Amino acid sequence: MSRLRFAYGTNGLSDHRLGDALALLAHHGYDGVALTLDHQHLDPSATDLPARADAVRRDLERHGLSVVVETGGRFVLDPMRKHEPTLLSDDGRDRRLALLRTAVQVAADLGSDVVHLWSGRRPDDVSPVVAWDRLVAGCAELLPFAARHGVRFAFEPEPGMLVDRLAGWERLREALGRHPAFGLTLDLGHCVCLEDDPVADCVRRAGTDLLHVQVEDMRRGVHEHLPFGEGELDLPAALAALHEIDFAGLVSVELPRHGHTAHTLVPDSLSALHAADREVVLR
């Protein structure tokens, strides 16, 4: 049985300096980190970004951590509007495209081959058809750039956004011609929240397109990221499905509103993941 590799998202380490966050994860035995580009840790707008990225790469290598680059910083492009602009926006789509290109370059500099992204919310004054066309066009523009850098996009269905379920990602994959640089980020908690099928079935459905996994507990119909044991996720069943498809990417804990308790949640989350994984082995 393949060994799963566990990581932790830096959006859940908001009260830690990046160097301290990486040291914390390495100390507790994590295999990697899901690094969100933001003003706190690695600012994508910094004039000395290549030098900063090089320093982070050295830290990652020193700690033996793999990395996925995430682009979901809340106010990274606009201090007044959360997650805006997006690929769906009337104005500012070029800024989102530029951020995603920067993320690809940062990933390549860090030795990562995966960049995470999502669609964004559909603006009230933009029709579903126009929003969809903008999303397809934006992704299609980015994919050749990613491929030239040896990077793949791992697109995440996100509750409340234009693409919120696995079916929407599958439709987008087809619209992009099943481009080899286009894959999936599957958040297992989101599956609990929105999907009709059990989480394990969602994992199997993703199959070889699955590049990155996010994981936390969650309740049906409520988009709230919870520590393990506080929701309805069958963690052993989900991990068993990941073993079944021989998933080789990072399985990243996603607790973006719990930075103030990271000192306990970082070790506790890994303990829960290891306990669930041992249960899989014993079955």
C-alpha atoms as a PDB file:
ATOM      1  CA  MET A   1       0.000   0.000   0.000  1.00  0.00           C
ATOM      2  CA  SER A   2       1.337   3.417  -0.982  1.00  0.00           C
ATOM      3  CA  ARG A   3       2.345   5.830   1.762  1.00  0.00           C
ATOM      4  CA  LEU A   4       0.293   9.012   1.974  1.00  0.00           C
ATOM      5  CA  ARG A   5       2.180  12.288   2.416  1.00  0.00           C
ATOM      6  CA  PHE A   6       0.637  14.771   4.822  1.00  0.00           C
ATOM      7  CA  ALA A   7       1.013  18.550   4.673  1.00  0.00           C
ATOM      8  CA  TYR A   8      -0.450  21.634   6.347  1.00  0.00           C
ATOM      9  CA  GLY A   9      -1.634  24.860   4.740  1.00  0.00           C
ATOM     10  CA  THR A  10       0.091  28.133   5.592  1.00  0.00           C
ATOM     11  CA  ASN A  11      -3.292  29.894   5.546  1.00  0.00           C
ATOM     12  CA  GLY A  12      -3.769  28.109   8.869  1.00  0.00           C
ATOM     13  CA  LEU A  13      -0.432  29.407  10.158  1.00  0.00           C
ATOM     14  CA  SER A  14      -1.204  33.111   9.830  1.00  0.00           C
ATOM     15  CA  ASP A  15       0.340  34.019  13.186  1.00  0.00           C
ATOM     16  CA  HIS A  16       3.652  32.376  12.340  1.00  0.00           C
ATOM     17  CA  ARG A  17       6.506  33.726  10.262  1.00  0.00           C
ATOM     18  CA  LEU A  18       6.991  31.471   7.270  1.00  0.00           C
ATOM     19  CA  GLY A  19      10.364  30.205   8.435  1.00  0.00           C
ATOM     20  CA  ASP A  20       8.916  29.390  11.854  1.00  0.00           C
ATOM     21  CA  ALA A  21       5.886  27.723  10.235  1.00  0.00           C
ATOM     22  CA  LEU A  22       8.074  25.440   8.129  1.00  0.00           C
ATOM     23  CA  ALA A  23      10.193  24.550  11.147  1.00  0.00           C
ATOM     24  CA  LEU A  24       7.023  23.757  13.125  1.00  0.00           C
ATOM     25  CA  LEU A  25       5.738  21.402  10.433  1.00  0.00           C
ATOM     26  CA  ALA A  26       9.089  19.660  10.075  1.00  0.00           C
ATOM     27  CA  HIS A  27       9.404  19.298  13.848  1.00  0.00           C
ATOM     28  CA  HIS A  28       6.087  17.465  14.055  1.00  0.00           C
ATOM     29  CA  GLY A  29       6.831  15.199  11.111  1.00  0.00           C
ATOM     30  CA  TYR A  30       4.871  16.616   8.185  1.00  0.00           C
ATOM     31  CA  ASP A  31       5.966  15.747   4.669  1.00  0.00           C
ATOM     32  CA  GLY A  32       5.060  19.049   3.060  1.00  0.00           C
ATOM     33  CA  VAL A  33       3.325  22.399   3.057  1.00  0.00           C
ATOM     34  CA  ALA A  34       0.560  24.026   1.015  1.00  0.00           C
ATOM     35  CA  LEU A  35       1.992  27.524   0.629  1.00  0.00           C
ATOM     36  CA  THR A  36      -0.490  30.336  -0.024  1.00  0.00           C
ATOM     37  CA  LEU A  37       0.989  33.358  -1.756  1.00  0.00           C
ATOM     38  CA  ASP A  38       0.065  36.325   0.439  1.00  0.00           C
ATOM     39  CA  HIS A  39       1.496  39.393   2.124  1.00  0.00           C
ATOM     40  CA  GLN A  40       2.237  37.465   5.329  1.00  0.00           C
ATOM     41  CA  HIS A  41       4.434  34.654   4.066  1.00  0.00           C
ATOM     42  CA  LEU A  42       5.517  34.967   0.444  1.00  0.00           C
ATOM     43  CA  ASP A  43       4.210  38.153  -1.149  1.00  0.00           C
ATOM     44  CA  PRO A  44       3.661  37.696  -4.903  1.00  0.00           C
ATOM     45  CA  SER A  45       3.963  41.452  -5.442  1.00  0.00           C
ATOM     46  CA  ALA A  46       7.329  41.801  -3.690  1.00  0.00           C
ATOM     47  CA  THR A  47       9.983  43.421  -5.870  1.00  0.00           C
ATOM     48  CA  ASP A  48      12.529  40.889  -4.615  1.00  0.00           C
ATOM     49  CA  LEU A  49      10.247  37.870  -5.044  1.00  0.00           C
ATOM     50  CA  PRO A  50      12.871  35.680  -6.802  1.00  0.00           C
ATOM     51  CA  ALA A  51      15.305  36.159  -3.915  1.00  0.00           C
ATOM     52  CA  ARG A  52      12.583  35.455  -1.348  1.00  0.00           C
ATOM     53  CA  ALA A  53      11.507  32.349  -3.225  1.00  0.00           C
ATOM     54  CA  ASP A  54      15.097  31.144  -3.312  1.00  0.00           C
ATOM     55  CA  ALA A  55      15.342  31.538   0.461  1.00  0.00           C
ATOM     56  CA  VAL A  56      12.096  29.595   0.918  1.00  0.00           C
ATOM     57  CA  ARG A  57      13.389  26.849  -1.388  1.00  0.00           C
ATOM     58  CA  ARG A  58      16.472  26.498   0.776  1.00  0.00           C
ATOM     59  CA  ASP A  59      14.286  26.289   3.901  1.00  0.00           C
ATOM     60  CA  LEU A  60      12.095  23.631   2.293  1.00  0.00           C
ATOM     61  CA  GLU A  61      15.125  21.592   1.308  1.00  0.00           C
ATOM     62  CA  ARG A  62      16.675  21.923   4.762  1.00  0.00           C
ATOM     63  CA  HIS A  63      13.476  20.657   6.400  1.00  0.00           C
ATOM     64  CA  GLY A  64      12.783  17.986   3.770  1.00  0.00           C
ATOM     65  CA  LEU A  65       9.360  19.450   2.910  1.00  0.00           C
ATOM     66  CA  SER A  66       7.544  19.173  -0.409  1.00  0.00           C
ATOM     67  CA  VAL A  67       5.340  22.083  -1.468  1.00  0.00           C
ATOM     68  CA  VAL A  68       2.184  22.946  -3.371  1.00  0.00           C
ATOM     69  CA  VAL A  69       1.618  26.622  -4.234  1.00  0.00           C
ATOM     70  CA  GLU A  70      -1.866  27.971  -3.452  1.00  0.00           C
ATOM     71  CA  THR A  71      -3.427  31.174  -4.782  1.00  0.00           C
ATOM     72  CA  GLY A  72      -6.410  31.682  -2.483  1.00  0.00           C
ATOM     73  CA  GLY A  73      -5.108  34.646  -0.473  1.00  0.00           C
ATOM     74  CA  ARG A  74      -8.126  36.648   0.621  1.00  0.00           C
ATOM     75  CA  PHE A  75      -6.911  40.201  -0.063  1.00  0.00           C
ATOM     76  CA  VAL A  76      -3.782  39.605  -2.109  1.00  0.00           C
ATOM     77  CA  LEU A  77      -5.064  41.604  -5.112  1.00  0.00           C
ATOM     78  CA  ASP A  78      -7.571  44.030  -3.576  1.00  0.00           C
ATOM     79  CA  PRO A  79      -7.503  45.179   0.078  1.00  0.00           C
ATOM     80  CA  MET A  80     -11.194  46.105  -0.074  1.00  0.00           C
ATOM     81  CA  ARG A  81     -12.695  42.996  -1.699  1.00  0.00           C
ATOM     82  CA  LYS A  82     -12.143  39.422  -0.546  1.00  0.00           C
ATOM     83  CA  HIS A  83     -10.762  37.101  -3.256  1.00  0.00           C
ATOM     84  CA  GLU A  84     -11.247  39.728  -5.976  1.00  0.00           C
ATOM     85  CA  PRO A  85     -10.705  40.184  -8.844  1.00  0.00           C
ATOM     86  CA  THR A  86     -11.112  36.703 -10.319  1.00  0.00           C
ATOM     87  CA  LEU A  87     -11.106  35.176 -13.784  1.00  0.00           C
ATOM     88  CA  LEU A  88     -14.834  36.017 -13.876  1.00  0.00           C
ATOM     89  CA  SER A  89     -14.614  39.727 -13.062  1.00  0.00           C
ATOM     90  CA  ASP A  90     -15.552  42.572 -15.417  1.00  0.00           C
ATOM     91  CA  ASP A  91     -12.405  44.440 -14.438  1.00  0.00           C
ATOM     92  CA  GLY A  92      -9.138  43.042 -13.142  1.00  0.00           C
ATOM     93  CA  ARG A  93      -9.078  39.631 -14.819  1.00  0.00           C
ATOM     94  CA  ASP A  94      -5.635  40.523 -16.144  1.00  0.00           C
ATOM     95  CA  ARG A  95      -4.413  40.938 -12.554  1.00  0.00           C
ATOM     96  CA  ARG A  96      -5.687  37.475 -11.635  1.00  0.00           C
ATOM     97  CA  LEU A  97      -4.004  36.017 -14.714  1.00  0.00           C
ATOM     98  CA  ALA A  98      -0.767  37.765 -13.748  1.00  0.00           C
ATOM     99  CA  LEU A  99      -0.985  36.363 -10.201  1.00  0.00           C
ATOM    100  CA  LEU A 100      -1.480  32.851 -11.531  1.00  0.00           C
ATOM    101  CA  ARG A 101       1.501  33.215 -13.867  1.00  0.00           C
ATOM    102  CA  THR A 102       3.559  34.439 -10.926  1.00  0.00           C
ATOM    103  CA  ALA A 103       2.403  31.408  -8.928  1.00  0.00           C
ATOM    104  CA  VAL A 104       3.589  29.117 -11.721  1.00  0.00           C
ATOM    105  CA  GLN A 105       7.001  30.783 -11.734  1.00  0.00           C
ATOM    106  CA  VAL A 106       7.236  30.591  -7.930  1.00  0.00           C
ATOM    107  CA  ALA A 107       6.275  26.917  -8.002  1.00  0.00           C
ATOM    108  CA  ALA A 108       8.979  26.193 -10.555  1.00  0.00           C
ATOM    109  CA  ASP A 109      11.499  28.129  -8.451  1.00  0.00           C
ATOM    110  CA  LEU A 110      10.509  26.146  -5.346  1.00  0.00           C
ATOM    111  CA  GLY A 111      10.698  22.794  -7.101  1.00  0.00           C
ATOM    112  CA  SER A 112       6.933  22.237  -7.060  1.00  0.00           C
ATOM    113  CA  ASP A 113       4.909  21.049 -10.033  1.00  0.00           C
ATOM    114  CA  VAL A 114       1.444  21.937  -8.681  1.00  0.00           C
ATOM    115  CA  VAL A 115      -0.364  25.289  -8.439  1.00  0.00           C
ATOM    116  CA  HIS A 116      -3.826  25.452  -6.916  1.00  0.00           C
ATOM    117  CA  LEU A 117      -6.592  27.760  -8.169  1.00  0.00           C
ATOM    118  CA  TRP A 118     -10.385  28.143  -8.175  1.00  0.00           C
ATOM    119  CA  SER A 119     -13.021  29.934 -10.253  1.00  0.00           C
ATOM    120  CA  GLY A 120     -14.198  32.673  -7.901  1.00  0.00           C
ATOM    121  CA  ARG A 121     -17.779  33.793  -7.327  1.00  0.00           C
ATOM    122  CA  ARG A 122     -19.913  34.880 -10.255  1.00  0.00           C
ATOM    123  CA  PRO A 123     -20.525  38.656 -10.020  1.00  0.00           C
ATOM    124  CA  ASP A 124     -24.206  39.555  -9.761  1.00  0.00           C
ATOM    125  CA  ASP A 125     -24.110  41.532 -12.998  1.00  0.00           C
ATOM    126  CA  VAL A 126     -22.371  38.784 -15.003  1.00  0.00           C
ATOM    127  CA  SER A 127     -24.516  36.062 -16.569  1.00  0.00           C
ATOM    128  CA  PRO A 128     -23.679  32.403 -15.965  1.00  0.00           C
ATOM    129  CA  VAL A 129     -22.830  31.965 -19.660  1.00  0.00           C
ATOM    130  CA  VAL A 130     -20.436  34.922 -19.722  1.00  0.00           C
ATOM    131  CA  ALA A 131     -18.846  33.871 -16.435  1.00  0.00           C
ATOM    132  CA  TRP A 132     -18.288  30.349 -17.759  1.00  0.00           C
ATOM    133  CA  ASP A 133     -16.792  31.593 -21.006  1.00  0.00           C
ATOM    134  CA  ARG A 134     -14.415  33.852 -19.088  1.00  0.00           C
ATOM    135  CA  LEU A 135     -13.317  30.971 -16.867  1.00  0.00           C
ATOM    136  CA  VAL A 136     -12.628  28.665 -19.800  1.00  0.00           C
ATOM    137  CA  ALA A 137     -10.772  31.382 -21.686  1.00  0.00           C
ATOM    138  CA  GLY A 138      -8.638  32.299 -18.666  1.00  0.00           C
ATOM    139  CA  CYS A 139      -7.654  28.710 -17.952  1.00  0.00           C
ATOM    140  CA  ALA A 140      -6.969  28.031 -21.624  1.00  0.00           C
ATOM    141  CA  GLU A 141      -4.640  31.043 -21.719  1.00  0.00           C
ATOM    142  CA  LEU A 142      -2.730  29.891 -18.647  1.00  0.00           C
ATOM    143  CA  LEU A 143      -2.247  26.207 -19.403  1.00  0.00           C
ATOM    144  CA  PRO A 144       0.461  26.499 -22.093  1.00  0.00           C
ATOM    145  CA  PHE A 145       2.442  28.805 -19.790  1.00  0.00           C
ATOM    146  CA  ALA A 146       2.193  26.292 -16.945  1.00  0.00           C
ATOM    147  CA  ALA A 147       3.178  23.410 -19.199  1.00  0.00           C
ATOM    148  CA  ARG A 148       6.303  25.249 -20.380  1.00  0.00           C
ATOM    149  CA  HIS A 149       7.377  25.541 -16.733  1.00  0.00           C
ATOM    150  CA  GLY A 150       6.663  21.905 -15.934  1.00  0.00           C
ATOM    151  CA  VAL A 151       3.769  22.909 -13.653  1.00  0.00           C
ATOM    152  CA  ARG A 152       0.179  21.661 -13.547  1.00  0.00           C
ATOM    153  CA  PHE A 153      -2.881  23.535 -12.324  1.00  0.00           C
ATOM    154  CA  ALA A 154      -4.916  21.741  -9.663  1.00  0.00           C
ATOM    155  CA  PHE A 155      -8.358  23.349  -9.854  1.00  0.00           C
ATOM    156  CA  GLU A 156     -10.503  23.263  -6.720  1.00  0.00           C
ATOM    157  CA  PRO A 157     -14.318  23.210  -6.680  1.00  0.00           C
ATOM    158  CA  GLU A 158     -15.211  25.622  -3.877  1.00  0.00           C
ATOM    159  CA  PRO A 159     -18.617  26.093  -2.180  1.00  0.00           C
ATOM    160  CA  GLY A 160     -20.227  29.371  -3.205  1.00  0.00           C
ATOM    161  CA  MET A 161     -18.121  29.755  -6.360  1.00  0.00           C
ATOM    162  CA  LEU A 162     -19.033  29.271 -10.013  1.00  0.00           C
ATOM    163  CA  VAL A 163     -17.459  25.814  -9.953  1.00  0.00           C
ATOM    164  CA  ASP A 164     -18.495  24.399  -6.617  1.00  0.00           C
ATOM    165  CA  ARG A 165     -18.760  20.650  -7.222  1.00  0.00           C
ATOM    166  CA  LEU A 166     -16.826  17.860  -8.860  1.00  0.00           C
ATOM    167  CA  ALA A 167     -19.263  17.824 -11.794  1.00  0.00           C
ATOM    168  CA  GLY A 168     -18.375  21.446 -12.568  1.00  0.00           C
ATOM    169  CA  TRP A 169     -14.680  20.596 -12.607  1.00  0.00           C
ATOM    170  CA  GLU A 170     -15.374  17.666 -14.938  1.00  0.00           C
ATOM    171  CA  ARG A 171     -17.249  19.988 -17.287  1.00  0.00           C
ATOM    172  CA  LEU A 172     -14.331  22.429 -17.222  1.00  0.00           C
ATOM    173  CA  ARG A 173     -11.833  19.640 -17.864  1.00  0.00           C
ATOM    174  CA  GLU A 174     -13.763  18.686 -20.997  1.00  0.00           C
ATOM    175  CA  ALA A 175     -14.023  22.313 -22.154  1.00  0.00           C
ATOM    176  CA  LEU A 176     -10.224  22.513 -21.897  1.00  0.00           C
ATOM    177  CA  GLY A 177      -9.752  19.379 -23.970  1.00  0.00           C
ATOM    178  CA  ARG A 178      -8.422  17.339 -21.055  1.00  0.00           C
ATOM    179  CA  HIS A 179      -5.231  19.373 -21.172  1.00  0.00           C
ATOM    180  CA  PRO A 180      -2.400  17.453 -19.445  1.00  0.00           C
ATOM    181  CA  ALA A 181      -1.523  20.495 -17.317  1.00  0.00           C
ATOM    182  CA  PHE A 182      -5.060  20.679 -15.871  1.00  0.00           C
ATOM    183  CA  GLY A 183      -5.912  18.544 -12.835  1.00  0.00           C
ATOM    184  CA  LEU A 184      -7.916  18.617  -9.626  1.00  0.00           C
ATOM    185  CA  THR A 185      -7.609  19.762  -6.040  1.00  0.00           C
ATOM    186  CA  LEU A 186     -10.238  17.852  -4.060  1.00  0.00           C
ATOM    187  CA  ASP A 187     -11.166  19.204  -0.630  1.00  0.00           C
ATOM    188  CA  LEU A 188     -12.563  16.242   1.288  1.00  0.00           C
ATOM    189  CA  GLY A 189     -14.509  18.492   3.649  1.00  0.00           C
ATOM    190  CA  HIS A 190     -16.177  20.170   0.679  1.00  0.00           C
ATOM    191  CA  CYS A 191     -17.302  16.723  -0.456  1.00  0.00           C
ATOM    192  CA  VAL A 192     -19.033  16.270   2.900  1.00  0.00           C
ATOM    193  CA  CYS A 193     -20.577  19.726   2.554  1.00  0.00           C
ATOM    194  CA  LEU A 194     -21.919  19.588  -1.002  1.00  0.00           C
ATOM    195  CA  GLU A 195     -21.412  16.377  -2.958  1.00  0.00           C
ATOM    196  CA  ASP A 196     -24.172  13.786  -3.281  1.00  0.00           C
ATOM    197  CA  ASP A 197     -21.763  10.837  -3.275  1.00  0.00           C
ATOM    198  CA  PRO A 198     -19.711   9.647  -0.286  1.00  0.00           C
ATOM    199  CA  VAL A 199     -16.265  11.202   0.014  1.00  0.00           C
ATOM    200  CA  ALA A 200     -14.508   7.950  -0.866  1.00  0.00           C
ATOM    201  CA  ASP A 201     -16.501   7.721  -4.095  1.00  0.00           C
ATOM    202  CA  CYS A 202     -15.520  11.300  -4.970  1.00  0.00           C
ATOM    203  CA  VAL A 203     -11.868  10.322  -4.553  1.00  0.00           C
ATOM    204  CA  ARG A 204     -12.282   7.301  -6.810  1.00  0.00           C
ATOM    205  CA  ARG A 205     -14.121   9.437  -9.357  1.00  0.00           C
ATOM    206  CA  ALA A 206     -11.198  11.879  -9.446  1.00  0.00           C
ATOM    207  CA  GLY A 207      -8.736   9.075 -10.057  1.00  0.00           C
ATOM    208  CA  THR A 208      -5.540   9.954 -11.856  1.00  0.00           C
ATOM    209  CA  ASP A 209      -6.640  13.581 -12.378  1.00  0.00           C
ATOM    210  CA  LEU A 210      -6.208  14.185  -8.649  1.00  0.00           C
ATOM    211  CA  LEU A 211      -3.091  16.298  -8.048  1.00  0.00           C
ATOM    212  CA  HIS A 212      -3.688  17.725  -4.582  1.00  0.00           C
ATOM    213  CA  VAL A 213      -5.951  16.943  -1.630  1.00  0.00           C
ATOM    214  CA  GLN A 214      -7.132  19.311   1.064  1.00  0.00           C
ATOM    215  CA  VAL A 215      -8.606  17.823   4.207  1.00  0.00           C
ATOM    216  CA  GLU A 216     -10.436  18.973   7.309  1.00  0.00           C
ATOM    217  CA  ASP A 217     -13.654  18.036   9.047  1.00  0.00           C
ATOM    218  CA  MET A 218     -16.958  19.550   7.930  1.00  0.00           C
ATOM    219  CA  ARG A 219     -20.719  19.136   8.313  1.00  0.00           C
ATOM    220  CA  ARG A 220     -23.252  18.571   5.583  1.00  0.00           C
ATOM    221  CA  GLY A 221     -24.476  21.845   4.084  1.00  0.00           C
ATOM    222  CA  VAL A 222     -22.227  24.065   6.205  1.00  0.00           C
ATOM    223  CA  HIS A 223     -19.035  25.456   4.672  1.00  0.00           C
ATOM    224  CA  GLU A 224     -17.005  25.697   7.864  1.00  0.00           C
ATOM    225  CA  HIS A 225     -13.548  24.138   8.119  1.00  0.00           C
ATOM    226  CA  LEU A 226     -13.342  22.211  11.380  1.00  0.00           C
ATOM    227  CA  PRO A 227     -10.629  20.301  13.243  1.00  0.00           C
ATOM    228  CA  PHE A 228     -10.837  16.544  12.887  1.00  0.00           C
ATOM    229  CA  GLY A 229     -13.516  14.975  15.058  1.00  0.00           C
ATOM    230  CA  GLU A 230     -15.838  17.991  15.011  1.00  0.00           C
ATOM    231  CA  GLY A 231     -17.713  17.177  11.813  1.00  0.00           C
ATOM    232  CA  GLU A 232     -19.014  14.302   9.707  1.00  0.00           C
ATOM    233  CA  LEU A 233     -15.994  13.278   7.607  1.00  0.00           C
ATOM    234  CA  ASP A 234     -15.231   9.550   7.623  1.00  0.00           C
ATOM    235  CA  LEU A 235     -11.491  10.092   7.583  1.00  0.00           C
ATOM    236  CA  PRO A 236     -10.396   6.430   7.446  1.00  0.00           C
ATOM    237  CA  ALA A 237     -12.709   5.763   4.490  1.00  0.00           C
ATOM    238  CA  ALA A 238     -11.385   8.826   2.653  1.00  0.00           C
ATOM    239  CA  LEU A 239      -7.762   7.841   3.229  1.00  0.00           C
ATOM    240  CA  ALA A 240      -8.517   4.277   2.187  1.00  0.00           C
ATOM    241  CA  ALA A 241      -9.808   5.589  -1.151  1.00  0.00           C
ATOM    242  CA  LEU A 242      -6.626   7.644  -1.609  1.00  0.00           C
ATOM    243  CA  HIS A 243      -4.582   4.501  -1.050  1.00  0.00           C
ATOM    244  CA  GLU A 244      -6.830   2.659  -3.504  1.00  0.00           C
ATOM    245  CA  ILE A 245      -6.051   5.093  -6.337  1.00  0.00           C
ATOM    246  CA  ASP A 246      -2.342   5.198  -5.382  1.00  0.00           C
ATOM    247  CA  PHE A 247      -2.466   8.928  -4.733  1.00  0.00           C
ATOM    248  CA  ALA A 248       1.079  10.311  -4.599  1.00  0.00           C
ATOM    249  CA  GLY A 249       0.470  14.038  -4.010  1.00  0.00           C
ATOM    250  CA  LEU A 250       0.189  16.003  -0.794  1.00  0.00           C
ATOM    251  CA  VAL A 251      -2.780  15.628   1.565  1.00  0.00           C
ATOM    252  CA  SER A 252      -2.910  19.091   3.127  1.00  0.00           C
ATOM    253  CA  VAL A 253      -4.764  20.067   6.288  1.00  0.00           C
ATOM    254  CA  GLU A 254      -6.887  23.148   5.491  1.00  0.00           C
ATOM    255  CA  LEU A 255      -7.837  25.143   8.607  1.00  0.00           C
ATOM    256  CA  PRO A 256      -7.605  28.787   7.462  1.00  0.00           C
ATOM    257  CA  ARG A 257      -9.421  30.288  10.462  1.00  0.00           C
ATOM    258  CA  HIS A 258      -7.443  28.505  13.160  1.00  0.00           C
ATOM    259  CA  GLY A 259      -4.063  30.227  13.010  1.00  0.00           C
ATOM    260  CA  HIS A 260      -4.331  31.264  16.654  1.00  0.00           C
ATOM    261  CA  THR A 261      -4.380  27.597  17.735  1.00  0.00           C
ATOM    262  CA  ALA A 262      -1.871  26.254  15.211  1.00  0.00           C
ATOM    263  CA  HIS A 263       0.558  25.291  17.968  1.00  0.00           C
ATOM    264  CA  THR A 264      -1.895  22.576  19.058  1.00  0.00           C
ATOM    265  CA  LEU A 265      -3.728  21.870  15.800  1.00  0.00           C
ATOM    266  CA  VAL A 266      -0.555  21.161  13.835  1.00  0.00           C
ATOM    267  CA  PRO A 267       0.427  18.152  15.991  1.00  0.00           C
ATOM    268  CA  ASP A 268      -3.169  17.127  16.741  1.00  0.00           C
ATOM    269  CA  SER A 269      -4.120  17.076  13.059  1.00  0.00           C
ATOM    270  CA  LEU A 270      -1.177  14.898  12.121  1.00  0.00           C
ATOM    271  CA  SER A 271      -1.971  12.524  14.994  1.00  0.00           C
ATOM    272  CA  ALA A 272      -5.549  12.218  13.707  1.00  0.00           C
ATOM    273  CA  LEU A 273      -4.353  11.549  10.163  1.00  0.00           C
ATOM    274  CA  HIS A 274      -1.888   8.902  11.305  1.00  0.00           C
ATOM    275  CA  ALA A 275      -4.518   7.244  13.515  1.00  0.00           C
ATOM    276  CA  ALA A 276      -6.980   7.124  10.599  1.00  0.00           C
ATOM    277  CA  ASP A 277      -4.269   5.776   8.301  1.00  0.00           C
ATOM    278  CA  ARG A 278      -3.397   3.022  10.787  1.00  0.00           C
ATOM    279  CA  GLU A 279      -7.069   2.072  10.868  1.00  0.00           C
ATOM    280  CA  VAL A 280      -6.964   1.684   7.092  1.00  0.00           C
ATOM    281  CA  VAL A 281      -3.971  -0.650   7.344  1.00  0.00           C
ATOM    282  CA  LEU A 282      -5.719  -2.778   9.980  1.00  0.00           C
ATOM    283  CA  ARG A 283      -8.896  -3.234   7.929  1.00  0.00           C
END
